[in-house]
Amino acid sequence: MFTRLFRFSLICAAAALGGTSALSAAPSKPAGSTPLQAVRLRDVTLHYAAVGRGEPVVMVHGGLEDYRAWSAQLAPLASHYRAVAYSRRYNFPNRNETQPSYSAQVDADDLAMLIGKLHLGRVHLVGHSYGGLAALLFATEHPELVRSLTLSEPPVFPWVEQ
């Protein structure tokens, strides 16, 4: 158990340190040409790439990124986990449908519905930048669905005053 958790922590650390910058050139397809899939949530369709088998790892990208920010991490994670990288609403290739006001809370709610629709159960959750805030909100509201939480540069301003 400890070995698996340690290995997962190393992979997540490498993912976070490997760079998920919106300024880096992201390929148009995830690693290994994983087909893009879509899931309909209450008022939006979100696109995602999923690879591998095993405990699920859900990756939440930062503000100006999309699912492709995690392309370099999909293949390494797929050897031991079911890795899911999705695009948050308003991000490529999702359409800008009529949607509620945008907030990290909306993203956290979307994440909860995505995990439910994909029948993932308890997940390892990885969030970068603004996606880290959405992941943190989700984890505080649904701790029963989180196996582990890895955040890279999350904005934690709502908690600074507390």
N, C-alpha and C. Protein backbone atom coordinates (compact mmCIF):
# COMPACT_ATOMS: atom_id res chain seq x y z
N MET A 1 0.83 -1.20 0.00
CA MET A 1 0.00 0.00 0.00
C MET A 1 0.87 1.25 0.00
N PHE A 2 1.87 1.28 0.92
CA PHE A 2 2.74 2.45 1.00
C PHE A 2 3.51 2.63 -0.30
N THR A 3 3.97 1.51 -0.90
CA THR A 3 4.73 1.59 -2.14
C THR A 3 3.88 2.20 -3.25
N ARG A 4 2.63 1.78 -3.36
CA ARG A 4 1.74 2.31 -4.39
C ARG A 4 1.48 3.79 -4.17
N LEU A 5 1.26 4.18 -2.92
CA LEU A 5 1.01 5.59 -2.62
C LEU A 5 2.26 6.42 -2.90
N PHE A 6 3.43 5.88 -2.55
CA PHE A 6 4.68 6.59 -2.81
C PHE A 6 4.91 6.75 -4.31
N ARG A 7 4.67 5.67 -5.07
CA ARG A 7 4.83 5.72 -6.53
C ARG A 7 3.87 6.76 -7.11
N PHE A 8 2.63 6.76 -6.65
CA PHE A 8 1.65 7.73 -7.14
C PHE A 8 2.10 9.15 -6.81
N SER A 9 2.61 9.37 -5.60
CA SER A 9 3.08 10.70 -5.21
C SER A 9 4.22 11.16 -6.10
N LEU A 10 5.12 10.25 -6.43
CA LEU A 10 6.23 10.60 -7.32
C LEU A 10 5.73 10.97 -8.71
N ILE A 11 4.78 10.22 -9.22
CA ILE A 11 4.23 10.52 -10.54
C ILE A 11 3.54 11.87 -10.52
N CYS A 12 2.77 12.16 -9.48
CA CYS A 12 2.08 13.45 -9.38
C CYS A 12 3.08 14.59 -9.25
N ALA A 13 4.13 14.38 -8.48
CA ALA A 13 5.15 15.42 -8.34
C ALA A 13 5.83 15.68 -9.68
N ALA A 14 6.11 14.61 -10.42
CA ALA A 14 6.72 14.78 -11.74
C ALA A 14 5.76 15.50 -12.67
N ALA A 15 4.47 15.20 -12.56
CA ALA A 15 3.48 15.88 -13.40
C ALA A 15 3.44 17.36 -13.09
N ALA A 16 3.45 17.69 -11.81
CA ALA A 16 3.39 19.09 -11.41
C ALA A 16 4.67 19.83 -11.79
N LEU A 17 5.81 19.19 -11.59
CA LEU A 17 7.08 19.84 -11.89
C LEU A 17 7.41 19.80 -13.37
N GLY A 18 6.77 18.89 -14.10
CA GLY A 18 7.05 18.75 -15.52
C GLY A 18 6.50 19.90 -16.33
N GLY A 19 5.71 20.73 -15.72
CA GLY A 19 5.21 21.91 -16.41
C GLY A 19 3.91 21.65 -17.12
N THR A 20 2.93 22.42 -16.79
CA THR A 20 1.65 22.37 -17.48
C THR A 20 1.29 23.78 -17.90
N SER A 21 2.26 24.50 -18.34
CA SER A 21 2.07 25.91 -18.68
C SER A 21 1.21 26.08 -19.92
N ALA A 22 0.33 27.05 -19.86
CA ALA A 22 -0.49 27.38 -21.02
C ALA A 22 0.36 27.94 -22.14
N LEU A 23 1.57 28.40 -21.84
CA LEU A 23 2.44 28.96 -22.85
C LEU A 23 3.20 27.90 -23.62
N SER A 24 3.27 26.68 -23.10
CA SER A 24 3.97 25.63 -23.82
C SER A 24 3.08 25.10 -24.93
N ALA A 25 3.71 24.62 -25.98
CA ALA A 25 2.94 24.11 -27.12
C ALA A 25 2.36 22.76 -26.74
N ALA A 26 1.06 22.66 -26.72
CA ALA A 26 0.40 21.40 -26.38
C ALA A 26 -0.03 20.71 -27.67
N PRO A 27 0.16 19.40 -27.75
CA PRO A 27 -0.27 18.70 -28.95
C PRO A 27 -1.78 18.73 -29.09
N SER A 28 -2.27 18.54 -30.31
CA SER A 28 -3.71 18.59 -30.53
C SER A 28 -4.40 17.34 -30.01
N LYS A 29 -3.64 16.27 -29.80
CA LYS A 29 -4.19 15.04 -29.25
C LYS A 29 -3.40 14.65 -28.02
N PRO A 30 -4.03 13.98 -27.06
CA PRO A 30 -3.28 13.51 -25.91
C PRO A 30 -2.26 12.46 -26.34
N ALA A 31 -1.33 12.18 -25.45
CA ALA A 31 -0.29 11.20 -25.73
C ALA A 31 -0.91 9.89 -26.18
N GLY A 32 -0.31 9.27 -27.20
CA GLY A 32 -0.81 8.00 -27.68
C GLY A 32 -2.06 8.12 -28.53
N SER A 33 -2.39 9.31 -28.98
CA SER A 33 -3.58 9.54 -29.81
C SER A 33 -4.85 9.01 -29.15
N THR A 34 -4.98 9.22 -27.87
CA THR A 34 -6.17 8.81 -27.14
C THR A 34 -7.37 9.56 -27.70
N PRO A 35 -8.42 8.84 -28.07
CA PRO A 35 -9.60 9.54 -28.61
C PRO A 35 -10.26 10.42 -27.55
N LEU A 36 -10.72 11.55 -27.99
CA LEU A 36 -11.41 12.48 -27.11
C LEU A 36 -12.85 12.01 -26.96
N GLN A 37 -13.35 12.03 -25.73
CA GLN A 37 -14.72 11.64 -25.45
C GLN A 37 -15.47 12.83 -24.87
N ALA A 38 -16.77 12.71 -24.76
CA ALA A 38 -17.57 13.81 -24.22
C ALA A 38 -18.61 13.25 -23.27
N VAL A 39 -18.95 14.06 -22.27
CA VAL A 39 -19.99 13.69 -21.33
C VAL A 39 -20.88 14.92 -21.12
N ARG A 40 -22.18 14.69 -21.13
CA ARG A 40 -23.13 15.78 -20.93
C ARG A 40 -23.46 15.90 -19.45
N LEU A 41 -23.24 17.08 -18.91
CA LEU A 41 -23.64 17.39 -17.54
C LEU A 41 -24.87 18.28 -17.64
N ARG A 42 -25.41 18.73 -16.54
CA ARG A 42 -26.69 19.44 -16.53
C ARG A 42 -26.84 20.47 -17.65
N ASP A 43 -25.88 21.37 -17.85
CA ASP A 43 -26.05 22.44 -18.84
C ASP A 43 -24.83 22.62 -19.74
N VAL A 44 -23.95 21.62 -19.77
CA VAL A 44 -22.73 21.75 -20.55
C VAL A 44 -22.22 20.36 -20.95
N THR A 45 -21.56 20.30 -22.09
CA THR A 45 -20.88 19.08 -22.50
C THR A 45 -19.39 19.30 -22.30
N LEU A 46 -18.76 18.41 -21.54
CA LEU A 46 -17.32 18.50 -21.28
C LEU A 46 -16.60 17.39 -22.02
N HIS A 47 -15.46 17.73 -22.60
CA HIS A 47 -14.64 16.76 -23.31
C HIS A 47 -13.50 16.28 -22.42
N TYR A 48 -13.12 15.02 -22.61
CA TYR A 48 -12.06 14.44 -21.78
C TYR A 48 -11.33 13.34 -22.54
N ALA A 49 -10.12 13.06 -22.08
CA ALA A 49 -9.34 11.92 -22.56
C ALA A 49 -9.15 10.99 -21.37
N ALA A 50 -9.30 9.70 -21.59
CA ALA A 50 -9.15 8.72 -20.52
C ALA A 50 -8.32 7.55 -21.03
N VAL A 51 -7.32 7.15 -20.23
CA VAL A 51 -6.45 6.03 -20.60
C VAL A 51 -6.16 5.19 -19.36
N GLY A 52 -5.82 3.92 -19.60
CA GLY A 52 -5.36 3.06 -18.52
C GLY A 52 -6.47 2.39 -17.73
N ARG A 53 -6.02 1.56 -16.79
CA ARG A 53 -6.93 0.84 -15.89
C ARG A 53 -6.37 0.95 -14.49
N GLY A 54 -7.24 0.84 -13.53
CA GLY A 54 -6.81 0.89 -12.14
C GLY A 54 -7.52 2.02 -11.42
N GLU A 55 -6.93 2.42 -10.29
CA GLU A 55 -7.52 3.51 -9.52
C GLU A 55 -7.56 4.76 -10.39
N PRO A 56 -8.66 5.50 -10.34
CA PRO A 56 -8.78 6.68 -11.21
C PRO A 56 -7.98 7.88 -10.69
N VAL A 57 -7.36 8.57 -11.64
CA VAL A 57 -6.67 9.83 -11.40
C VAL A 57 -7.36 10.86 -12.29
N VAL A 58 -7.91 11.91 -11.69
CA VAL A 58 -8.57 12.97 -12.46
C VAL A 58 -7.71 14.21 -12.38
N MET A 59 -7.40 14.78 -13.55
CA MET A 59 -6.52 15.94 -13.63
C MET A 59 -7.31 17.17 -14.07
N VAL A 60 -7.18 18.24 -13.29
CA VAL A 60 -7.93 19.49 -13.52
C VAL A 60 -6.93 20.56 -13.93
N HIS A 61 -7.06 21.06 -15.16
CA HIS A 61 -6.11 22.03 -15.71
C HIS A 61 -6.31 23.43 -15.16
N GLY A 62 -5.33 24.28 -15.40
CA GLY A 62 -5.36 25.67 -14.96
C GLY A 62 -6.21 26.56 -15.85
N GLY A 63 -6.19 27.85 -15.55
CA GLY A 63 -7.07 28.83 -16.17
C GLY A 63 -7.11 28.89 -17.68
N LEU A 64 -6.01 29.13 -18.33
CA LEU A 64 -6.01 29.30 -19.78
C LEU A 64 -5.59 28.03 -20.50
N GLU A 65 -5.71 26.90 -19.85
CA GLU A 65 -5.32 25.62 -20.43
C GLU A 65 -6.55 24.82 -20.81
N ASP A 66 -6.33 23.57 -21.20
CA ASP A 66 -7.41 22.63 -21.45
C ASP A 66 -6.86 21.23 -21.19
N TYR A 67 -7.61 20.20 -21.56
CA TYR A 67 -7.20 18.82 -21.27
C TYR A 67 -5.80 18.51 -21.79
N ARG A 68 -5.37 19.18 -22.85
CA ARG A 68 -4.07 18.90 -23.46
C ARG A 68 -2.90 19.27 -22.55
N ALA A 69 -3.14 20.08 -21.53
CA ALA A 69 -2.08 20.43 -20.60
C ALA A 69 -1.52 19.19 -19.91
N TRP A 70 -2.31 18.13 -19.85
CA TRP A 70 -1.90 16.90 -19.16
C TRP A 70 -1.42 15.82 -20.13
N SER A 71 -1.24 16.13 -21.39
CA SER A 71 -0.87 15.12 -22.39
C SER A 71 0.38 14.34 -22.01
N ALA A 72 1.39 15.01 -21.50
CA ALA A 72 2.64 14.33 -21.15
C ALA A 72 2.48 13.40 -19.96
N GLN A 73 1.46 13.60 -19.15
CA GLN A 73 1.27 12.78 -17.96
C GLN A 73 0.36 11.58 -18.21
N LEU A 74 -0.43 11.60 -19.27
CA LEU A 74 -1.40 10.53 -19.49
C LEU A 74 -0.73 9.16 -19.63
N ALA A 75 0.24 9.03 -20.50
CA ALA A 75 0.86 7.73 -20.74
C ALA A 75 1.56 7.18 -19.49
N PRO A 76 2.38 7.96 -18.79
CA PRO A 76 3.01 7.40 -17.58
C PRO A 76 1.98 6.96 -16.53
N LEU A 77 0.93 7.73 -16.35
CA LEU A 77 -0.10 7.36 -15.38
C LEU A 77 -0.87 6.12 -15.82
N ALA A 78 -1.08 5.97 -17.13
CA ALA A 78 -1.90 4.87 -17.65
C ALA A 78 -1.30 3.50 -17.36
N SER A 79 -0.02 3.44 -17.08
CA SER A 79 0.58 2.13 -16.80
C SER A 79 0.14 1.57 -15.44
N HIS A 80 -0.38 2.42 -14.56
CA HIS A 80 -0.82 1.95 -13.24
C HIS A 80 -2.21 2.44 -12.82
N TYR A 81 -2.75 3.42 -13.53
CA TYR A 81 -4.00 4.07 -13.12
C TYR A 81 -4.91 4.29 -14.33
N ARG A 82 -6.16 4.62 -14.05
CA ARG A 82 -7.05 5.12 -15.09
C ARG A 82 -6.93 6.64 -15.01
N ALA A 83 -6.29 7.23 -15.99
CA ALA A 83 -6.02 8.67 -15.99
C ALA A 83 -7.07 9.39 -16.83
N VAL A 84 -7.67 10.42 -16.25
CA VAL A 84 -8.70 11.21 -16.93
C VAL A 84 -8.29 12.67 -16.89
N ALA A 85 -8.15 13.27 -18.08
CA ALA A 85 -7.86 14.71 -18.20
C ALA A 85 -9.04 15.32 -18.94
N TYR A 86 -9.69 16.29 -18.34
CA TYR A 86 -10.86 16.89 -18.98
C TYR A 86 -10.67 18.40 -19.12
N SER A 87 -11.47 18.97 -20.01
CA SER A 87 -11.47 20.42 -20.19
C SER A 87 -12.63 21.01 -19.40
N ARG A 88 -12.31 21.98 -18.54
CA ARG A 88 -13.36 22.65 -17.78
C ARG A 88 -14.21 23.48 -18.74
N ARG A 89 -15.40 23.84 -18.30
CA ARG A 89 -16.29 24.63 -19.16
C ARG A 89 -15.60 25.91 -19.62
N TYR A 90 -15.97 26.37 -20.77
CA TYR A 90 -15.39 27.55 -21.44
C TYR A 90 -14.00 27.30 -22.00
N ASN A 91 -13.47 26.10 -21.88
CA ASN A 91 -12.14 25.81 -22.39
C ASN A 91 -12.23 24.84 -23.57
N PHE A 92 -11.28 24.95 -24.50
CA PHE A 92 -11.24 24.11 -25.69
C PHE A 92 -11.32 22.64 -25.31
N PRO A 93 -12.04 21.83 -26.05
CA PRO A 93 -12.85 22.11 -27.23
C PRO A 93 -14.33 22.29 -26.90
N ASN A 94 -14.64 22.54 -25.64
CA ASN A 94 -16.03 22.71 -25.22
C ASN A 94 -16.63 23.95 -25.85
N ARG A 95 -17.90 23.85 -26.20
CA ARG A 95 -18.61 24.99 -26.79
C ARG A 95 -19.07 25.92 -25.69
N ASN A 96 -19.13 27.19 -26.00
CA ASN A 96 -19.62 28.18 -25.03
C ASN A 96 -21.14 28.24 -25.11
N GLU A 97 -21.76 27.28 -24.45
CA GLU A 97 -23.21 27.24 -24.40
C GLU A 97 -23.69 28.24 -23.35
N THR A 98 -24.99 28.49 -23.31
CA THR A 98 -25.54 29.34 -22.27
C THR A 98 -25.32 28.63 -20.94
N GLN A 99 -24.58 29.29 -20.07
CA GLN A 99 -24.18 28.64 -18.83
C GLN A 99 -24.30 29.61 -17.66
N PRO A 100 -24.28 29.07 -16.44
CA PRO A 100 -24.38 29.93 -15.26
C PRO A 100 -23.14 30.79 -15.10
N SER A 101 -23.19 31.71 -14.19
CA SER A 101 -22.02 32.54 -13.89
C SER A 101 -20.84 31.63 -13.61
N TYR A 102 -19.68 32.06 -14.06
CA TYR A 102 -18.48 31.24 -13.94
C TYR A 102 -17.82 31.44 -12.58
N SER A 103 -17.43 30.34 -11.95
CA SER A 103 -16.73 30.41 -10.67
C SER A 103 -16.04 29.08 -10.41
N ALA A 104 -15.14 29.08 -9.46
CA ALA A 104 -14.49 27.83 -9.06
C ALA A 104 -15.54 26.87 -8.49
N GLN A 105 -16.59 27.41 -7.88
CA GLN A 105 -17.65 26.55 -7.35
C GLN A 105 -18.37 25.82 -8.47
N VAL A 106 -18.63 26.51 -9.59
CA VAL A 106 -19.25 25.86 -10.75
C VAL A 106 -18.33 24.74 -11.25
N ASP A 107 -17.03 25.02 -11.30
CA ASP A 107 -16.07 23.99 -11.72
C ASP A 107 -16.07 22.80 -10.76
N ALA A 108 -16.14 23.06 -9.46
CA ALA A 108 -16.17 21.98 -8.47
C ALA A 108 -17.44 21.15 -8.63
N ASP A 109 -18.57 21.81 -8.89
CA ASP A 109 -19.82 21.09 -9.12
C ASP A 109 -19.74 20.25 -10.39
N ASP A 110 -19.14 20.82 -11.45
CA ASP A 110 -18.94 20.07 -12.69
C ASP A 110 -18.08 18.84 -12.44
N LEU A 111 -17.03 19.00 -11.66
CA LEU A 111 -16.13 17.90 -11.34
C LEU A 111 -16.88 16.78 -10.62
N ALA A 112 -17.73 17.14 -9.69
CA ALA A 112 -18.53 16.14 -8.97
C ALA A 112 -19.43 15.37 -9.94
N MET A 113 -20.06 16.10 -10.85
CA MET A 113 -20.94 15.44 -11.82
C MET A 113 -20.15 14.57 -12.80
N LEU A 114 -18.98 15.06 -13.22
CA LEU A 114 -18.13 14.29 -14.13
C LEU A 114 -17.72 12.97 -13.49
N ILE A 115 -17.26 13.02 -12.26
CA ILE A 115 -16.84 11.81 -11.55
C ILE A 115 -18.02 10.85 -11.40
N GLY A 116 -19.20 11.39 -11.12
CA GLY A 116 -20.39 10.56 -11.02
C GLY A 116 -20.79 9.94 -12.35
N LYS A 117 -20.82 10.74 -13.41
CA LYS A 117 -21.23 10.24 -14.73
C LYS A 117 -20.28 9.17 -15.26
N LEU A 118 -18.99 9.32 -14.94
CA LEU A 118 -18.00 8.34 -15.41
C LEU A 118 -17.85 7.16 -14.45
N HIS A 119 -18.64 7.16 -13.36
CA HIS A 119 -18.63 6.07 -12.38
C HIS A 119 -17.22 5.79 -11.87
N LEU A 120 -16.51 6.84 -11.50
CA LEU A 120 -15.12 6.70 -11.07
C LEU A 120 -14.97 6.37 -9.59
N GLY A 121 -15.97 6.69 -8.79
CA GLY A 121 -15.84 6.44 -7.36
C GLY A 121 -14.78 7.34 -6.74
N ARG A 122 -14.01 6.79 -5.80
CA ARG A 122 -12.96 7.57 -5.13
C ARG A 122 -11.79 7.77 -6.09
N VAL A 123 -11.32 9.01 -6.21
CA VAL A 123 -10.28 9.35 -7.18
C VAL A 123 -9.05 9.96 -6.52
N HIS A 124 -7.93 9.84 -7.21
CA HIS A 124 -6.75 10.64 -6.92
C HIS A 124 -6.98 11.91 -7.73
N LEU A 125 -6.95 13.05 -7.09
CA LEU A 125 -7.28 14.31 -7.75
C LEU A 125 -6.03 15.17 -7.85
N VAL A 126 -5.75 15.65 -9.06
CA VAL A 126 -4.58 16.49 -9.32
C VAL A 126 -5.08 17.79 -9.94
N GLY A 127 -4.74 18.92 -9.34
CA GLY A 127 -5.19 20.22 -9.86
C GLY A 127 -4.03 21.18 -10.01
N HIS A 128 -4.05 21.93 -11.10
CA HIS A 128 -3.00 22.92 -11.36
C HIS A 128 -3.61 24.32 -11.41
N SER A 129 -2.99 25.26 -10.73
CA SER A 129 -3.37 26.67 -10.76
C SER A 129 -4.86 26.82 -10.42
N TYR A 130 -5.62 27.49 -11.28
CA TYR A 130 -7.04 27.70 -11.01
C TYR A 130 -7.77 26.36 -10.88
N GLY A 131 -7.34 25.36 -11.63
CA GLY A 131 -7.92 24.02 -11.50
C GLY A 131 -7.66 23.44 -10.12
N GLY A 132 -6.56 23.87 -9.48
CA GLY A 132 -6.27 23.44 -8.12
C GLY A 132 -7.29 23.97 -7.14
N LEU A 133 -7.77 25.19 -7.37
CA LEU A 133 -8.81 25.75 -6.50
C LEU A 133 -10.11 24.96 -6.66
N ALA A 134 -10.48 24.65 -7.90
CA ALA A 134 -11.68 23.84 -8.12
C ALA A 134 -11.54 22.46 -7.47
N ALA A 135 -10.35 21.86 -7.59
CA ALA A 135 -10.10 20.55 -6.98
C ALA A 135 -10.19 20.64 -5.46
N LEU A 136 -9.64 21.70 -4.89
CA LEU A 136 -9.69 21.89 -3.44
C LEU A 136 -11.12 22.08 -2.95
N LEU A 137 -11.91 22.88 -3.65
CA LEU A 137 -13.32 23.04 -3.29
C LEU A 137 -14.05 21.70 -3.35
N PHE A 138 -13.82 20.96 -4.44
CA PHE A 138 -14.44 19.65 -4.59
C PHE A 138 -14.07 18.74 -3.41
N ALA A 139 -12.77 18.72 -3.07
CA ALA A 139 -12.29 17.84 -2.00
C ALA A 139 -12.89 18.19 -0.65
N THR A 140 -13.11 19.49 -0.39
CA THR A 140 -13.70 19.88 0.89
C THR A 140 -15.19 19.53 0.95
N GLU A 141 -15.85 19.51 -0.20
CA GLU A 141 -17.28 19.21 -0.25
C GLU A 141 -17.58 17.73 -0.41
N HIS A 142 -16.63 16.98 -0.97
CA HIS A 142 -16.84 15.55 -1.23
C HIS A 142 -15.63 14.72 -0.79
N PRO A 143 -15.25 14.80 0.48
CA PRO A 143 -14.06 14.05 0.92
C PRO A 143 -14.19 12.54 0.72
N GLU A 144 -15.40 12.05 0.69
CA GLU A 144 -15.62 10.62 0.50
C GLU A 144 -15.25 10.16 -0.90
N LEU A 145 -15.09 11.09 -1.84
CA LEU A 145 -14.74 10.75 -3.22
C LEU A 145 -13.26 10.98 -3.53
N VAL A 146 -12.47 11.36 -2.53
CA VAL A 146 -11.07 11.71 -2.78
C VAL A 146 -10.14 10.73 -2.07
N ARG A 147 -9.33 10.01 -2.85
CA ARG A 147 -8.30 9.12 -2.30
C ARG A 147 -7.08 9.94 -1.90
N SER A 148 -6.71 10.89 -2.76
CA SER A 148 -5.58 11.77 -2.50
C SER A 148 -5.79 13.06 -3.27
N LEU A 149 -5.11 14.11 -2.83
CA LEU A 149 -5.23 15.42 -3.46
C LEU A 149 -3.83 15.98 -3.66
N THR A 150 -3.50 16.29 -4.92
CA THR A 150 -2.21 16.89 -5.26
C THR A 150 -2.49 18.21 -5.97
N LEU A 151 -1.97 19.30 -5.40
CA LEU A 151 -2.20 20.63 -5.97
C LEU A 151 -0.87 21.27 -6.34
N SER A 152 -0.86 21.91 -7.51
CA SER A 152 0.32 22.64 -7.96
C SER A 152 -0.07 24.10 -8.18
N GLU A 153 0.49 24.98 -7.40
CA GLU A 153 0.24 26.42 -7.49
C GLU A 153 -1.24 26.81 -7.43
N PRO A 154 -1.98 26.28 -6.46
CA PRO A 154 -3.40 26.65 -6.38
C PRO A 154 -3.57 28.04 -5.77
N PRO A 155 -4.52 28.82 -6.28
CA PRO A 155 -4.83 30.08 -5.60
C PRO A 155 -5.68 29.75 -4.38
N VAL A 156 -5.25 30.17 -3.22
CA VAL A 156 -5.97 29.84 -1.99
C VAL A 156 -6.51 31.09 -1.32
N PHE A 157 -6.73 32.13 -2.10
CA PHE A 157 -7.18 33.40 -1.55
C PHE A 157 -8.42 33.32 -0.69
N PRO A 158 -9.42 32.51 -1.02
CA PRO A 158 -10.60 32.45 -0.15
C PRO A 158 -10.29 32.00 1.27
N TRP A 159 -9.18 31.25 1.46
CA TRP A 159 -8.85 30.74 2.78
C TRP A 159 -7.81 31.59 3.51
N VAL A 160 -7.19 32.53 2.85
CA VAL A 160 -6.13 33.34 3.47
C VAL A 160 -6.66 34.14 4.64
N GLU A 161 -7.86 34.69 4.53
CA GLU A 161 -8.43 35.53 5.58
C GLU A 161 -8.88 34.73 6.79
N GLN A 162 -9.10 33.43 6.63
CA GLN A 162 -9.64 32.60 7.72
C GLN A 162 -8.60 32.18 8.69
